[in-house]
């Protein structure tokens, strides 16, 4: 473990320092299991629905380049970020906008 990088902490002061110095922090136990469970359920439902409807964004394939979302004319290329193109990681963008938790 690289000790110079932020480590999970219960201290808001430490998290504030990490945020100021590193640009991010890790707040240990920020959510309870009871709070996490409905979020996990909703995320799983949304991911499945996007996959079933053909809207899933899947990247991480060997021939996929992160950030290469547009062609040379600037047009989005969603067809390049699918399971068929080797995508292994499914991303669910802006879950907060996609129904109640």
N, C-alpha and C. Protein backbone atom coordinates (compact mmCIF):
# COMPACT_ATOMS: atom_id res chain seq x y z
N UNK A 1 0.85 -1.18 0.00
CA UNK A 1 0.00 0.00 0.00
C UNK A 1 0.89 1.24 0.00
N UNK A 2 0.59 2.17 -0.89
CA UNK A 2 1.34 3.42 -0.96
C UNK A 2 0.79 4.35 0.12
N UNK A 3 1.57 4.56 1.17
CA UNK A 3 1.09 5.34 2.32
C UNK A 3 0.95 6.82 2.01
N UNK A 4 1.49 7.28 0.87
CA UNK A 4 1.35 8.69 0.54
C UNK A 4 -0.02 8.99 -0.09
N UNK A 5 -0.74 7.95 -0.47
CA UNK A 5 -2.08 8.13 -1.03
C UNK A 5 -3.10 8.08 0.10
N UNK A 6 -4.25 8.75 -0.07
CA UNK A 6 -5.28 8.72 0.97
C UNK A 6 -5.70 7.30 1.31
N UNK A 7 -5.87 7.06 2.60
CA UNK A 7 -6.35 5.79 3.11
C UNK A 7 -7.74 6.01 3.71
N UNK A 8 -8.59 4.98 3.73
CA UNK A 8 -9.90 5.14 4.35
C UNK A 8 -9.76 5.64 5.78
N UNK A 9 -10.57 6.63 6.13
CA UNK A 9 -10.48 7.24 7.45
C UNK A 9 -11.87 7.59 7.97
N UNK A 10 -12.02 7.52 9.28
CA UNK A 10 -13.25 7.97 9.94
C UNK A 10 -13.17 9.45 10.28
N UNK A 11 -11.99 10.04 10.16
CA UNK A 11 -11.76 11.43 10.55
C UNK A 11 -12.11 12.39 9.42
N UNK A 12 -13.08 13.27 9.68
CA UNK A 12 -13.43 14.28 8.68
C UNK A 12 -12.27 15.24 8.46
N UNK A 13 -11.51 15.50 9.51
CA UNK A 13 -10.34 16.37 9.38
C UNK A 13 -9.32 15.75 8.43
N UNK A 14 -9.04 14.46 8.61
CA UNK A 14 -8.10 13.77 7.73
C UNK A 14 -8.62 13.75 6.29
N UNK A 15 -9.90 13.50 6.14
CA UNK A 15 -10.49 13.49 4.80
C UNK A 15 -10.39 14.87 4.15
N UNK A 16 -10.60 15.92 4.93
CA UNK A 16 -10.44 17.28 4.41
C UNK A 16 -9.02 17.55 3.96
N UNK A 17 -8.06 17.09 4.75
CA UNK A 17 -6.65 17.25 4.38
C UNK A 17 -6.32 16.47 3.12
N UNK A 18 -6.80 15.23 3.05
CA UNK A 18 -6.56 14.41 1.85
C UNK A 18 -7.17 15.07 0.62
N UNK A 19 -8.37 15.59 0.77
CA UNK A 19 -9.04 16.24 -0.35
C UNK A 19 -8.25 17.45 -0.82
N UNK A 20 -7.77 18.25 0.11
CA UNK A 20 -6.99 19.44 -0.24
C UNK A 20 -5.66 19.08 -0.89
N UNK A 21 -5.02 18.02 -0.39
CA UNK A 21 -3.68 17.65 -0.88
C UNK A 21 -3.71 16.74 -2.10
N UNK A 22 -4.63 15.80 -2.13
CA UNK A 22 -4.63 14.79 -3.19
C UNK A 22 -5.79 14.92 -4.18
N UNK A 23 -6.79 15.71 -3.83
CA UNK A 23 -7.93 15.88 -4.73
C UNK A 23 -9.05 14.87 -4.51
N UNK A 24 -8.85 13.97 -3.56
CA UNK A 24 -9.90 13.02 -3.19
C UNK A 24 -9.65 12.50 -1.78
N UNK A 25 -10.68 11.90 -1.21
CA UNK A 25 -10.54 11.30 0.12
C UNK A 25 -11.40 10.04 0.16
N UNK A 26 -11.13 9.22 1.15
CA UNK A 26 -11.88 7.98 1.35
C UNK A 26 -12.45 7.99 2.76
N UNK A 27 -13.75 8.23 2.86
CA UNK A 27 -14.41 8.29 4.16
C UNK A 27 -14.92 6.90 4.52
N UNK A 28 -14.29 6.30 5.51
CA UNK A 28 -14.64 4.94 5.93
C UNK A 28 -16.05 4.93 6.54
N UNK A 29 -16.81 3.91 6.18
CA UNK A 29 -18.16 3.69 6.73
C UNK A 29 -19.08 4.89 6.51
N UNK A 30 -18.96 5.53 5.35
CA UNK A 30 -19.80 6.69 5.05
C UNK A 30 -21.27 6.30 4.96
N UNK A 31 -21.55 5.10 4.48
CA UNK A 31 -22.91 4.60 4.38
C UNK A 31 -23.02 3.27 5.11
N UNK A 32 -24.17 3.04 5.71
CA UNK A 32 -24.40 1.77 6.40
C UNK A 32 -24.81 0.70 5.39
N UNK A 33 -24.77 -0.55 5.81
CA UNK A 33 -25.25 -1.63 4.95
C UNK A 33 -26.71 -1.41 4.55
N UNK A 34 -27.50 -0.90 5.49
CA UNK A 34 -28.90 -0.62 5.21
C UNK A 34 -29.09 0.46 4.16
N UNK A 35 -28.17 1.41 4.09
CA UNK A 35 -28.23 2.45 3.07
C UNK A 35 -27.69 1.94 1.74
N UNK A 36 -26.70 1.08 1.79
CA UNK A 36 -26.08 0.57 0.56
C UNK A 36 -26.96 -0.42 -0.19
N UNK A 37 -27.70 -1.24 0.53
CA UNK A 37 -28.47 -2.30 -0.12
C UNK A 37 -29.45 -1.78 -1.17
N UNK A 38 -30.28 -0.76 -0.88
CA UNK A 38 -31.18 -0.28 -1.93
C UNK A 38 -30.42 0.36 -3.10
N UNK A 39 -29.27 0.95 -2.83
CA UNK A 39 -28.46 1.51 -3.92
C UNK A 39 -27.93 0.41 -4.83
N UNK A 40 -27.42 -0.67 -4.22
CA UNK A 40 -26.93 -1.81 -5.01
C UNK A 40 -28.06 -2.40 -5.86
N UNK A 41 -29.22 -2.56 -5.23
CA UNK A 41 -30.37 -3.14 -5.93
C UNK A 41 -30.76 -2.27 -7.12
N UNK A 42 -30.85 -0.97 -6.89
CA UNK A 42 -31.26 -0.05 -7.97
C UNK A 42 -30.22 -0.02 -9.09
N UNK A 43 -28.94 -0.01 -8.74
CA UNK A 43 -27.87 0.00 -9.73
C UNK A 43 -27.92 -1.27 -10.58
N UNK A 44 -28.12 -2.41 -9.93
CA UNK A 44 -28.19 -3.69 -10.65
C UNK A 44 -29.39 -3.71 -11.59
N UNK A 45 -30.54 -3.22 -11.13
CA UNK A 45 -31.74 -3.15 -11.98
C UNK A 45 -31.49 -2.27 -13.19
N UNK A 46 -30.89 -1.10 -12.97
CA UNK A 46 -30.65 -0.16 -14.06
C UNK A 46 -29.66 -0.74 -15.07
N UNK A 47 -28.59 -1.36 -14.58
CA UNK A 47 -27.59 -1.95 -15.47
C UNK A 47 -28.23 -3.03 -16.34
N UNK A 48 -29.06 -3.89 -15.75
CA UNK A 48 -29.73 -4.94 -16.50
C UNK A 48 -30.67 -4.35 -17.55
N UNK A 49 -31.45 -3.34 -17.15
CA UNK A 49 -32.38 -2.71 -18.10
C UNK A 49 -31.63 -2.08 -19.27
N UNK A 50 -30.52 -1.39 -19.00
CA UNK A 50 -29.75 -0.77 -20.08
C UNK A 50 -29.18 -1.83 -21.01
N UNK A 51 -28.75 -2.94 -20.46
CA UNK A 51 -28.21 -4.02 -21.29
C UNK A 51 -29.32 -4.63 -22.15
N UNK A 52 -30.49 -4.89 -21.55
CA UNK A 52 -31.60 -5.48 -22.28
C UNK A 52 -32.10 -4.56 -23.40
N UNK A 53 -32.05 -3.25 -23.18
CA UNK A 53 -32.53 -2.29 -24.16
C UNK A 53 -31.47 -1.89 -25.19
N UNK A 54 -30.25 -2.39 -25.01
CA UNK A 54 -29.19 -2.06 -25.96
C UNK A 54 -28.52 -0.73 -25.72
N UNK A 55 -28.68 -0.18 -24.51
CA UNK A 55 -28.08 1.12 -24.18
C UNK A 55 -26.86 1.01 -23.28
N UNK A 56 -26.45 -0.20 -22.95
CA UNK A 56 -25.33 -0.38 -22.02
C UNK A 56 -24.04 0.17 -22.62
N UNK A 57 -23.28 0.90 -21.82
CA UNK A 57 -21.96 1.40 -22.21
C UNK A 57 -20.95 0.46 -21.58
N UNK A 58 -20.25 -0.30 -22.42
CA UNK A 58 -19.31 -1.29 -21.93
C UNK A 58 -17.93 -1.02 -22.52
N UNK A 59 -16.95 -0.87 -21.64
CA UNK A 59 -15.59 -0.60 -22.09
C UNK A 59 -14.63 -1.57 -21.43
N UNK A 60 -13.36 -1.33 -21.60
CA UNK A 60 -12.34 -2.18 -20.99
C UNK A 60 -11.84 -3.29 -21.89
N UNK A 61 -12.34 -3.33 -23.12
CA UNK A 61 -11.86 -4.34 -24.06
C UNK A 61 -10.48 -3.99 -24.59
N UNK A 62 -9.77 -5.00 -25.07
CA UNK A 62 -8.40 -4.80 -25.55
C UNK A 62 -8.32 -3.79 -26.70
N UNK A 63 -9.32 -3.76 -27.57
CA UNK A 63 -9.26 -2.85 -28.72
C UNK A 63 -9.98 -1.53 -28.48
N UNK A 64 -10.52 -1.35 -27.28
CA UNK A 64 -11.22 -0.11 -26.96
C UNK A 64 -10.27 0.86 -26.27
N UNK A 65 -10.37 2.12 -26.64
CA UNK A 65 -9.53 3.15 -26.03
C UNK A 65 -10.40 4.10 -25.23
N UNK A 66 -10.13 4.17 -23.92
CA UNK A 66 -10.90 5.06 -23.06
C UNK A 66 -10.78 6.49 -23.57
N UNK A 67 -11.90 7.16 -23.69
CA UNK A 67 -11.92 8.53 -24.17
C UNK A 67 -12.12 8.63 -25.67
N UNK A 68 -12.10 7.51 -26.37
CA UNK A 68 -12.26 7.51 -27.82
C UNK A 68 -13.74 7.34 -28.18
N UNK A 69 -14.55 8.26 -27.64
CA UNK A 69 -16.00 8.14 -27.79
C UNK A 69 -16.53 8.74 -29.08
N UNK A 70 -15.71 9.52 -29.75
CA UNK A 70 -16.17 10.23 -30.95
C UNK A 70 -15.28 9.90 -32.14
N UNK A 71 -15.86 10.01 -33.32
CA UNK A 71 -15.05 9.83 -34.52
C UNK A 71 -14.35 11.14 -34.86
N UNK A 72 -13.65 11.18 -35.98
CA UNK A 72 -12.88 12.37 -36.33
C UNK A 72 -13.75 13.60 -36.59
N UNK A 73 -15.03 13.38 -36.87
CA UNK A 73 -15.96 14.50 -37.08
C UNK A 73 -16.64 14.92 -35.79
N UNK A 74 -16.32 14.26 -34.68
CA UNK A 74 -16.91 14.61 -33.39
C UNK A 74 -18.22 13.92 -33.08
N UNK A 75 -18.61 12.97 -33.92
CA UNK A 75 -19.87 12.26 -33.71
C UNK A 75 -19.65 11.11 -32.72
N UNK A 76 -20.57 11.01 -31.74
CA UNK A 76 -20.47 9.92 -30.76
C UNK A 76 -20.51 8.56 -31.44
N UNK A 77 -19.75 7.62 -30.90
CA UNK A 77 -19.66 6.27 -31.45
C UNK A 77 -20.08 5.23 -30.41
N UNK A 78 -21.33 5.23 -29.96
CA UNK A 78 -21.74 4.30 -28.91
C UNK A 78 -21.60 2.84 -29.32
N UNK A 79 -21.67 2.56 -30.61
CA UNK A 79 -21.55 1.18 -31.09
C UNK A 79 -20.18 0.58 -30.81
N UNK A 80 -19.20 1.40 -30.53
CA UNK A 80 -17.85 0.91 -30.24
C UNK A 80 -17.70 0.46 -28.79
N UNK A 81 -18.66 0.83 -27.95
CA UNK A 81 -18.55 0.52 -26.53
C UNK A 81 -19.66 -0.43 -26.10
N UNK A 82 -19.58 -1.63 -26.68
CA UNK A 82 -20.56 -2.68 -26.42
C UNK A 82 -19.83 -3.96 -26.04
N UNK A 83 -20.58 -4.91 -25.54
CA UNK A 83 -20.01 -6.22 -25.23
C UNK A 83 -19.48 -6.88 -26.50
N UNK A 84 -20.20 -6.70 -27.61
CA UNK A 84 -19.77 -7.29 -28.89
C UNK A 84 -18.40 -6.76 -29.33
N UNK A 85 -18.06 -5.55 -28.91
CA UNK A 85 -16.77 -4.96 -29.27
C UNK A 85 -15.70 -5.26 -28.21
N UNK A 86 -16.03 -6.13 -27.27
CA UNK A 86 -15.06 -6.53 -26.27
C UNK A 86 -15.21 -5.86 -24.92
N UNK A 87 -16.23 -5.00 -24.79
CA UNK A 87 -16.43 -4.31 -23.52
C UNK A 87 -16.68 -5.28 -22.38
N UNK A 88 -15.96 -5.09 -21.29
CA UNK A 88 -16.09 -5.97 -20.13
C UNK A 88 -16.66 -5.25 -18.92
N UNK A 89 -16.51 -3.93 -18.88
CA UNK A 89 -16.98 -3.13 -17.75
C UNK A 89 -18.22 -2.36 -18.19
N UNK A 90 -19.32 -2.54 -17.49
CA UNK A 90 -20.52 -1.77 -17.81
C UNK A 90 -20.60 -0.57 -16.89
N UNK A 91 -20.78 0.59 -17.48
CA UNK A 91 -20.91 1.83 -16.71
C UNK A 91 -22.36 2.31 -16.77
N UNK A 92 -22.89 2.67 -15.62
CA UNK A 92 -24.23 3.24 -15.55
C UNK A 92 -24.03 4.71 -15.21
N UNK A 93 -24.24 5.57 -16.19
CA UNK A 93 -23.99 7.00 -16.02
C UNK A 93 -25.18 7.66 -15.32
N UNK A 94 -24.91 8.61 -14.47
CA UNK A 94 -25.90 9.46 -13.78
C UNK A 94 -27.09 8.68 -13.22
N UNK A 95 -26.80 7.71 -12.39
CA UNK A 95 -27.86 6.91 -11.78
C UNK A 95 -28.87 7.78 -11.05
N UNK A 96 -28.42 8.88 -10.49
CA UNK A 96 -29.31 9.76 -9.72
C UNK A 96 -30.45 10.30 -10.60
N UNK A 97 -30.27 10.34 -11.90
CA UNK A 97 -31.28 10.83 -12.84
C UNK A 97 -32.17 9.72 -13.38
N UNK A 98 -32.01 8.50 -12.92
CA UNK A 98 -32.67 7.36 -13.57
C UNK A 98 -33.62 6.63 -12.65
N UNK A 99 -34.44 7.35 -11.93
CA UNK A 99 -35.44 6.71 -11.09
C UNK A 99 -35.10 6.76 -9.61
N UNK A 100 -36.10 6.50 -8.81
CA UNK A 100 -35.96 6.58 -7.36
C UNK A 100 -35.21 5.39 -6.81
N UNK A 101 -34.51 5.63 -5.71
CA UNK A 101 -33.82 4.55 -4.99
C UNK A 101 -34.66 4.23 -3.77
